[in-house]
């Protein structure tokens, strides 16, 4: 979920990763992200967009109109980006996906997003009563309304369950042979509870497809 310091945290993470290895691609996973702080969505988008509108609002009230533009604080430029979204991606997530998509800065992959593109204003009636009104709508840089429509991905990839093939019953390993030697016990080595990166990717079809596409783009970019 988008918090006030999300933009700064992502910037720091990219800087740390870039200091270890060159970046050839980046996946921004916004699946099942319900949104959060508008300014955080603008700050995150601003890391990848050089100039222009990130998002704007239009509404019935005089002060409902607002435009948020990119600054020159681009952290990562030229590196391919893929944004993963699904029906659980809403509000601030849709702002980021829509901005990067309209600026052709990223490919959006997954399924159609939730479609939460409205701005609510709370009007205090009494000391213990208030009413929430929809006073404005969010629009992407190209003028698309997010409300009810959501963001349609460039590459539609459903979330499929990855099933591993059963091992070949006719394929033998050392452990299957009668009288085989056992490995020496290692009491110090205990398996961790966290999943290994390869296991996460192997079980996540959408993420697997995103990484495969980035690898292909990197290979094509290296060819003369």
C-alpha atoms as a PDB file:
ATOM      1  CA  UNK A   1       0.000   0.000   0.000  1.00  0.00           C
ATOM      2  CA  UNK A   2       1.189   3.516  -0.801  1.00  0.00           C
ATOM      3  CA  UNK A   3       2.449   5.412   2.248  1.00  0.00           C
ATOM      4  CA  UNK A   4       3.870   8.910   2.541  1.00  0.00           C
ATOM      5  CA  UNK A   5       7.470   7.662   2.212  1.00  0.00           C
ATOM      6  CA  UNK A   6       6.902   5.083  -0.533  1.00  0.00           C
ATOM      7  CA  UNK A   7       8.647   7.154  -3.201  1.00  0.00           C
ATOM      8  CA  UNK A   8      11.730   7.614  -1.027  1.00  0.00           C
ATOM      9  CA  UNK A   9      11.835   3.933  -0.083  1.00  0.00           C
ATOM     10  CA  UNK A  10      11.677   2.836  -3.728  1.00  0.00           C
ATOM     11  CA  UNK A  11      14.358   5.360  -4.686  1.00  0.00           C
ATOM     12  CA  UNK A  12      16.663   4.034  -1.951  1.00  0.00           C
ATOM     13  CA  UNK A  13      16.001   0.417  -2.962  1.00  0.00           C
ATOM     14  CA  UNK A  14      16.841   1.151  -6.609  1.00  0.00           C
ATOM     15  CA  UNK A  15      20.018   3.000  -5.618  1.00  0.00           C
ATOM     16  CA  UNK A  16      21.094   0.083  -3.427  1.00  0.00           C
ATOM     17  CA  UNK A  17      20.388  -2.462  -6.147  1.00  0.00           C
ATOM     18  CA  UNK A  18      22.157  -0.395  -8.799  1.00  0.00           C
ATOM     19  CA  UNK A  19      25.284  -0.237  -6.618  1.00  0.00           C
ATOM     20  CA  UNK A  20      25.457  -4.039  -6.622  1.00  0.00           C
ATOM     21  CA  UNK A  21      24.679  -4.900 -10.240  1.00  0.00           C
ATOM     22  CA  UNK A  22      23.670  -3.121 -13.466  1.00  0.00           C
ATOM     23  CA  UNK A  23      19.905  -3.001 -13.938  1.00  0.00           C
ATOM     24  CA  UNK A  24      18.630  -4.509 -17.174  1.00  0.00           C
ATOM     25  CA  UNK A  25      14.947  -4.340 -16.289  1.00  0.00           C
ATOM     26  CA  UNK A  26      12.560  -3.722 -13.438  1.00  0.00           C
ATOM     27  CA  UNK A  27       9.186  -5.173 -12.442  1.00  0.00           C
ATOM     28  CA  UNK A  28       6.833  -2.990 -10.394  1.00  0.00           C
ATOM     29  CA  UNK A  29       4.345  -5.345  -8.777  1.00  0.00           C
ATOM     30  CA  UNK A  30       1.117  -3.489  -7.956  1.00  0.00           C
ATOM     31  CA  UNK A  31      -1.135  -6.540  -7.826  1.00  0.00           C
ATOM     32  CA  UNK A  32      -3.629  -6.464  -4.956  1.00  0.00           C
ATOM     33  CA  UNK A  33      -2.355  -3.034  -3.953  1.00  0.00           C
ATOM     34  CA  UNK A  34      -5.448  -1.081  -2.820  1.00  0.00           C
ATOM     35  CA  UNK A  35      -3.813   2.334  -3.220  1.00  0.00           C
ATOM     36  CA  UNK A  36      -3.122   4.888  -0.537  1.00  0.00           C
ATOM     37  CA  UNK A  37      -1.606   8.345  -0.519  1.00  0.00           C
ATOM     38  CA  UNK A  38      -1.945  10.271  -3.793  1.00  0.00           C
ATOM     39  CA  UNK A  39       1.357  12.098  -3.299  1.00  0.00           C
ATOM     40  CA  UNK A  40       3.122   8.749  -2.929  1.00  0.00           C
ATOM     41  CA  UNK A  41       1.768   7.597  -6.300  1.00  0.00           C
ATOM     42  CA  UNK A  42       2.981  10.832  -7.876  1.00  0.00           C
ATOM     43  CA  UNK A  43       6.407  10.462  -6.230  1.00  0.00           C
ATOM     44  CA  UNK A  44       6.783   6.876  -7.449  1.00  0.00           C
ATOM     45  CA  UNK A  45       5.776   7.772 -11.004  1.00  0.00           C
ATOM     46  CA  UNK A  46       8.150  10.729 -10.924  1.00  0.00           C
ATOM     47  CA  UNK A  47      11.094   8.342 -10.480  1.00  0.00           C
ATOM     48  CA  UNK A  48      10.607   7.059 -14.022  1.00  0.00           C
ATOM     49  CA  UNK A  49       9.029   9.949 -15.976  1.00  0.00           C
ATOM     50  CA  UNK A  50      11.139  12.861 -17.196  1.00  0.00           C
ATOM     51  CA  UNK A  51       8.445  15.432 -17.842  1.00  0.00           C
ATOM     52  CA  UNK A  52       4.760  16.000 -18.389  1.00  0.00           C
ATOM     53  CA  UNK A  53       1.579  15.244 -16.496  1.00  0.00           C
ATOM     54  CA  UNK A  54       1.431  12.303 -14.105  1.00  0.00           C
ATOM     55  CA  UNK A  55      -2.241  12.637 -13.141  1.00  0.00           C
ATOM     56  CA  UNK A  56      -4.888  15.337 -12.954  1.00  0.00           C
ATOM     57  CA  UNK A  57      -8.294  15.739 -11.360  1.00  0.00           C
ATOM     58  CA  UNK A  58     -11.497  17.387 -12.522  1.00  0.00           C
ATOM     59  CA  UNK A  59     -14.645  17.890 -10.479  1.00  0.00           C
ATOM     60  CA  UNK A  60     -17.636  19.987  -9.573  1.00  0.00           C
ATOM     61  CA  UNK A  61     -16.006  22.143  -6.926  1.00  0.00           C
ATOM     62  CA  UNK A  62     -13.844  25.136  -7.756  1.00  0.00           C
ATOM     63  CA  UNK A  63     -10.796  23.704  -6.006  1.00  0.00           C
ATOM     64  CA  UNK A  64     -11.288  20.180  -7.350  1.00  0.00           C
ATOM     65  CA  UNK A  65      -9.111  20.713 -10.417  1.00  0.00           C
ATOM     66  CA  UNK A  66      -5.455  19.849  -9.824  1.00  0.00           C
ATOM     67  CA  UNK A  67      -2.563  18.762 -12.016  1.00  0.00           C
ATOM     68  CA  UNK A  68       0.491  16.844 -10.854  1.00  0.00           C
ATOM     69  CA  UNK A  69       3.536  16.996 -13.103  1.00  0.00           C
ATOM     70  CA  UNK A  70       6.829  15.168 -13.264  1.00  0.00           C
ATOM     71  CA  UNK A  71       9.999  16.838 -12.098  1.00  0.00           C
ATOM     72  CA  UNK A  72      13.535  16.185 -13.326  1.00  0.00           C
ATOM     73  CA  UNK A  73      14.361  13.769 -10.513  1.00  0.00           C
ATOM     74  CA  UNK A  74      14.442  10.655 -12.726  1.00  0.00           C
ATOM     75  CA  UNK A  75      16.175   7.809 -10.916  1.00  0.00           C
ATOM     76  CA  UNK A  76      16.143   5.140 -13.591  1.00  0.00           C
ATOM     77  CA  UNK A  77      16.054   6.109 -17.255  1.00  0.00           C
ATOM     78  CA  UNK A  78      16.072   3.845 -20.293  1.00  0.00           C
ATOM     79  CA  UNK A  79      15.746   0.593 -18.360  1.00  0.00           C
ATOM     80  CA  UNK A  80      12.704  -1.458 -19.453  1.00  0.00           C
ATOM     81  CA  UNK A  81       9.847  -1.458 -16.955  1.00  0.00           C
ATOM     82  CA  UNK A  82       6.920  -3.835 -16.532  1.00  0.00           C
ATOM     83  CA  UNK A  83       4.027  -3.019 -14.183  1.00  0.00           C
ATOM     84  CA  UNK A  84       2.044  -5.993 -12.913  1.00  0.00           C
ATOM     85  CA  UNK A  85      -1.625  -5.281 -12.120  1.00  0.00           C
ATOM     86  CA  UNK A  86      -4.828  -7.167 -11.458  1.00  0.00           C
ATOM     87  CA  UNK A  87      -8.385  -6.581 -10.266  1.00  0.00           C
ATOM     88  CA  UNK A  88      -7.029  -5.796  -6.801  1.00  0.00           C
ATOM     89  CA  UNK A  89      -4.947  -2.861  -8.046  1.00  0.00           C
ATOM     90  CA  UNK A  90      -6.842   0.314  -7.174  1.00  0.00           C
ATOM     91  CA  UNK A  91      -6.590   4.060  -6.733  1.00  0.00           C
ATOM     92  CA  UNK A  92      -2.924   5.067  -6.354  1.00  0.00           C
ATOM     93  CA  UNK A  93      -1.829   1.834  -8.055  1.00  0.00           C
ATOM     94  CA  UNK A  94      -3.936   2.735 -11.076  1.00  0.00           C
ATOM     95  CA  UNK A  95      -2.492   6.257 -11.128  1.00  0.00           C
ATOM     96  CA  UNK A  96       1.040   4.845 -11.382  1.00  0.00           C
ATOM     97  CA  UNK A  97       0.120   2.234 -13.969  1.00  0.00           C
ATOM     98  CA  UNK A  98      -1.819   4.746 -16.076  1.00  0.00           C
ATOM     99  CA  UNK A  99       0.933   7.366 -15.969  1.00  0.00           C
ATOM    100  CA  UNK A 100       3.714   4.973 -16.961  1.00  0.00           C
ATOM    101  CA  UNK A 101       1.509   3.479 -19.657  1.00  0.00           C
ATOM    102  CA  UNK A 102       0.500   6.812 -21.203  1.00  0.00           C
ATOM    103  CA  UNK A 103       4.103   8.027 -21.231  1.00  0.00           C
ATOM    104  CA  UNK A 104       5.093   4.718 -22.857  1.00  0.00           C
ATOM    105  CA  UNK A 105       7.590   4.283 -20.058  1.00  0.00           C
ATOM    106  CA  UNK A 106       6.386   0.821 -19.066  1.00  0.00           C
ATOM    107  CA  UNK A 107       4.407  -2.139 -20.313  1.00  0.00           C
ATOM    108  CA  UNK A 108       1.417  -2.914 -18.113  1.00  0.00           C
ATOM    109  CA  UNK A 109       0.875  -6.648 -17.732  1.00  0.00           C
ATOM    110  CA  UNK A 110      -1.822  -8.657 -15.977  1.00  0.00           C
ATOM    111  CA  UNK A 111      -5.582  -8.098 -15.890  1.00  0.00           C
ATOM    112  CA  UNK A 112      -7.878  -5.059 -15.787  1.00  0.00           C
ATOM    113  CA  UNK A 113      -7.560  -3.044 -12.592  1.00  0.00           C
ATOM    114  CA  UNK A 114     -10.287  -2.241 -10.062  1.00  0.00           C
ATOM    115  CA  UNK A 115     -11.389   1.153 -11.396  1.00  0.00           C
ATOM    116  CA  UNK A 116     -11.235   3.342  -8.275  1.00  0.00           C
ATOM    117  CA  UNK A 117     -10.627   6.760  -9.771  1.00  0.00           C
ATOM    118  CA  UNK A 118     -12.719   9.090  -7.657  1.00  0.00           C
ATOM    119  CA  UNK A 119     -11.787  11.731  -5.091  1.00  0.00           C
ATOM    120  CA  UNK A 120     -13.867  11.821  -1.914  1.00  0.00           C
ATOM    121  CA  UNK A 121     -14.302  14.908   0.254  1.00  0.00           C
ATOM    122  CA  UNK A 122     -15.569  14.670   3.819  1.00  0.00           C
ATOM    123  CA  UNK A 123     -17.946  17.462   4.806  1.00  0.00           C
ATOM    124  CA  UNK A 124     -18.488  17.902   8.533  1.00  0.00           C
ATOM    125  CA  UNK A 125     -22.176  18.391   9.364  1.00  0.00           C
ATOM    126  CA  UNK A 126     -22.081  18.395  13.163  1.00  0.00           C
ATOM    127  CA  UNK A 127     -19.522  17.505  15.812  1.00  0.00           C
ATOM    128  CA  UNK A 128     -20.302  13.796  15.415  1.00  0.00           C
ATOM    129  CA  UNK A 129     -21.733  13.582  11.903  1.00  0.00           C
ATOM    130  CA  UNK A 130     -20.180  13.963   8.472  1.00  0.00           C
ATOM    131  CA  UNK A 131     -20.913  13.091   4.884  1.00  0.00           C
ATOM    132  CA  UNK A 132     -18.506  11.830   2.241  1.00  0.00           C
ATOM    133  CA  UNK A 133     -19.087  13.137  -1.274  1.00  0.00           C
ATOM    134  CA  UNK A 134     -17.408  12.287  -4.552  1.00  0.00           C
ATOM    135  CA  UNK A 135     -16.131  15.644  -5.728  1.00  0.00           C
ATOM    136  CA  UNK A 136     -13.626  14.833  -8.476  1.00  0.00           C
ATOM    137  CA  UNK A 137     -12.249  12.126 -10.764  1.00  0.00           C
ATOM    138  CA  UNK A 138      -8.698  11.084 -11.569  1.00  0.00           C
ATOM    139  CA  UNK A 139      -7.510  11.180 -15.178  1.00  0.00           C
ATOM    140  CA  UNK A 140      -4.375   9.717 -16.717  1.00  0.00           C
ATOM    141  CA  UNK A 141      -2.013  11.998 -18.709  1.00  0.00           C
ATOM    142  CA  UNK A 142      -3.850  11.136 -21.943  1.00  0.00           C
ATOM    143  CA  UNK A 143      -7.231  12.039 -20.456  1.00  0.00           C
ATOM    144  CA  UNK A 144      -8.509   8.557 -19.615  1.00  0.00           C
ATOM    145  CA  UNK A 145     -10.849   8.335 -16.651  1.00  0.00           C
ATOM    146  CA  UNK A 146      -9.857   5.599 -14.223  1.00  0.00           C
ATOM    147  CA  UNK A 147     -13.259   5.498 -12.532  1.00  0.00           C
ATOM    148  CA  UNK A 148     -15.111   2.223 -13.206  1.00  0.00           C
ATOM    149  CA  UNK A 149     -12.987   1.631 -16.320  1.00  0.00           C
ATOM    150  CA  UNK A 150      -9.713   0.811 -14.627  1.00  0.00           C
ATOM    151  CA  UNK A 151      -6.433   0.392 -16.474  1.00  0.00           C
ATOM    152  CA  UNK A 152      -6.431  -2.114 -19.309  1.00  0.00           C
ATOM    153  CA  UNK A 153      -3.054  -3.884 -19.542  1.00  0.00           C
ATOM    154  CA  UNK A 154      -0.929  -3.811 -22.685  1.00  0.00           C
ATOM    155  CA  UNK A 155      -0.340  -7.533 -22.233  1.00  0.00           C
ATOM    156  CA  UNK A 156      -3.235  -9.487 -20.787  1.00  0.00           C
ATOM    157  CA  UNK A 157      -1.880 -12.315 -18.641  1.00  0.00           C
ATOM    158  CA  UNK A 158      -4.203 -14.199 -16.302  1.00  0.00           C
ATOM    159  CA  UNK A 159      -2.954 -15.431 -12.974  1.00  0.00           C
ATOM    160  CA  UNK A 160      -2.507 -19.119 -13.691  1.00  0.00           C
ATOM    161  CA  UNK A 161      -1.530 -21.842 -11.284  1.00  0.00           C
ATOM    162  CA  UNK A 162       1.839 -23.328 -12.088  1.00  0.00           C
ATOM    163  CA  UNK A 163       1.844 -27.073 -11.671  1.00  0.00           C
ATOM    164  CA  UNK A 164       5.045 -29.015 -11.703  1.00  0.00           C
ATOM    165  CA  UNK A 165       5.278 -32.146 -13.801  1.00  0.00           C
ATOM    166  CA  UNK A 166       5.501 -35.350 -11.848  1.00  0.00           C
ATOM    167  CA  UNK A 167       8.922 -36.947 -11.865  1.00  0.00           C
ATOM    168  CA  UNK A 168       9.549 -39.731 -14.330  1.00  0.00           C
ATOM    169  CA  UNK A 169       9.044 -43.041 -12.462  1.00  0.00           C
ATOM    170  CA  UNK A 170      11.636 -44.673 -14.715  1.00  0.00           C
ATOM    171  CA  UNK A 171      14.349 -42.120 -13.916  1.00  0.00           C
ATOM    172  CA  UNK A 172      16.597 -43.312 -11.093  1.00  0.00           C
ATOM    173  CA  UNK A 173      18.716 -41.269  -8.764  1.00  0.00           C
ATOM    174  CA  UNK A 174      21.391 -42.351  -6.303  1.00  0.00           C
ATOM    175  CA  UNK A 175      18.919 -42.229  -3.439  1.00  0.00           C
ATOM    176  CA  UNK A 176      16.737 -44.807  -5.212  1.00  0.00           C
ATOM    177  CA  UNK A 177      19.435 -47.476  -5.360  1.00  0.00           C
ATOM    178  CA  UNK A 178      19.498 -50.211  -2.698  1.00  0.00           C
ATOM    179  CA  UNK A 179      22.304 -49.786  -0.192  1.00  0.00           C
ATOM    180  CA  UNK A 180      23.130 -46.216  -1.221  1.00  0.00           C
ATOM    181  CA  UNK A 181      25.252 -44.058   1.053  1.00  0.00           C
ATOM    182  CA  UNK A 182      23.455 -41.358   2.986  1.00  0.00           C
ATOM    183  CA  UNK A 183      24.729 -37.810   3.072  1.00  0.00           C
ATOM    184  CA  UNK A 184      26.454 -36.810   6.310  1.00  0.00           C
ATOM    185  CA  UNK A 185      24.154 -35.002   8.697  1.00  0.00           C
ATOM    186  CA  UNK A 186      24.621 -31.277   9.125  1.00  0.00           C
ATOM    187  CA  UNK A 187      22.907 -30.108  12.273  1.00  0.00           C
ATOM    188  CA  UNK A 188      24.017 -26.510  11.725  1.00  0.00           C
ATOM    189  CA  UNK A 189      22.185 -26.148   8.426  1.00  0.00           C
ATOM    190  CA  UNK A 190      18.501 -25.627   8.946  1.00  0.00           C
ATOM    191  CA  UNK A 191      16.137 -24.798   6.088  1.00  0.00           C
ATOM    192  CA  UNK A 192      14.741 -21.293   6.232  1.00  0.00           C
ATOM    193  CA  UNK A 193      11.059 -20.530   6.212  1.00  0.00           C
ATOM    194  CA  UNK A 194      11.327 -17.867   3.482  1.00  0.00           C
ATOM    195  CA  UNK A 195      10.902 -18.889  -0.129  1.00  0.00           C
ATOM    196  CA  UNK A 196      13.898 -18.718  -2.414  1.00  0.00           C
ATOM    197  CA  UNK A 197      13.598 -16.197  -5.294  1.00  0.00           C
ATOM    198  CA  UNK A 198      13.615 -18.996  -7.874  1.00  0.00           C
ATOM    199  CA  UNK A 199      10.760 -20.726  -6.047  1.00  0.00           C
ATOM    200  CA  UNK A 200       8.691 -17.520  -5.926  1.00  0.00           C
ATOM    201  CA  UNK A 201       9.161 -16.910  -9.650  1.00  0.00           C
ATOM    202  CA  UNK A 202       8.439 -20.537 -10.477  1.00  0.00           C
ATOM    203  CA  UNK A 203       5.109 -20.430  -8.649  1.00  0.00           C
ATOM    204  CA  UNK A 204       4.008 -17.032  -9.988  1.00  0.00           C
ATOM    205  CA  UNK A 205       3.021 -17.269 -13.653  1.00  0.00           C
ATOM    206  CA  UNK A 206       2.514 -13.529 -14.201  1.00  0.00           C
ATOM    207  CA  UNK A 207       5.851 -12.616 -12.617  1.00  0.00           C
ATOM    208  CA  UNK A 208       7.518 -15.396 -14.591  1.00  0.00           C
ATOM    209  CA  UNK A 209       6.136 -13.972 -17.832  1.00  0.00           C
ATOM    210  CA  UNK A 210       7.270 -10.446 -16.885  1.00  0.00           C
ATOM    211  CA  UNK A 211      10.830 -11.585 -16.195  1.00  0.00           C
ATOM    212  CA  UNK A 212      10.919 -13.665 -19.365  1.00  0.00           C
ATOM    213  CA  UNK A 213       9.889 -10.627 -21.405  1.00  0.00           C
ATOM    214  CA  UNK A 214      12.545  -8.446 -19.744  1.00  0.00           C
ATOM    215  CA  UNK A 215      15.208 -11.058 -20.477  1.00  0.00           C
ATOM    216  CA  UNK A 216      14.141 -11.118 -24.133  1.00  0.00           C
ATOM    217  CA  UNK A 217      14.230  -7.327 -24.381  1.00  0.00           C
ATOM    218  CA  UNK A 218      17.727  -7.293 -22.885  1.00  0.00           C
ATOM    219  CA  UNK A 219      18.965  -9.904 -25.361  1.00  0.00           C
ATOM    220  CA  UNK A 220      17.523  -7.970 -28.303  1.00  0.00           C
ATOM    221  CA  UNK A 221      19.059  -4.727 -27.043  1.00  0.00           C
ATOM    222  CA  UNK A 222      22.512  -6.321 -26.958  1.00  0.00           C
ATOM    223  CA  UNK A 223      22.349  -7.470 -30.572  1.00  0.00           C
ATOM    224  CA  UNK A 224      24.078  -5.164 -33.098  1.00  0.00           C
END
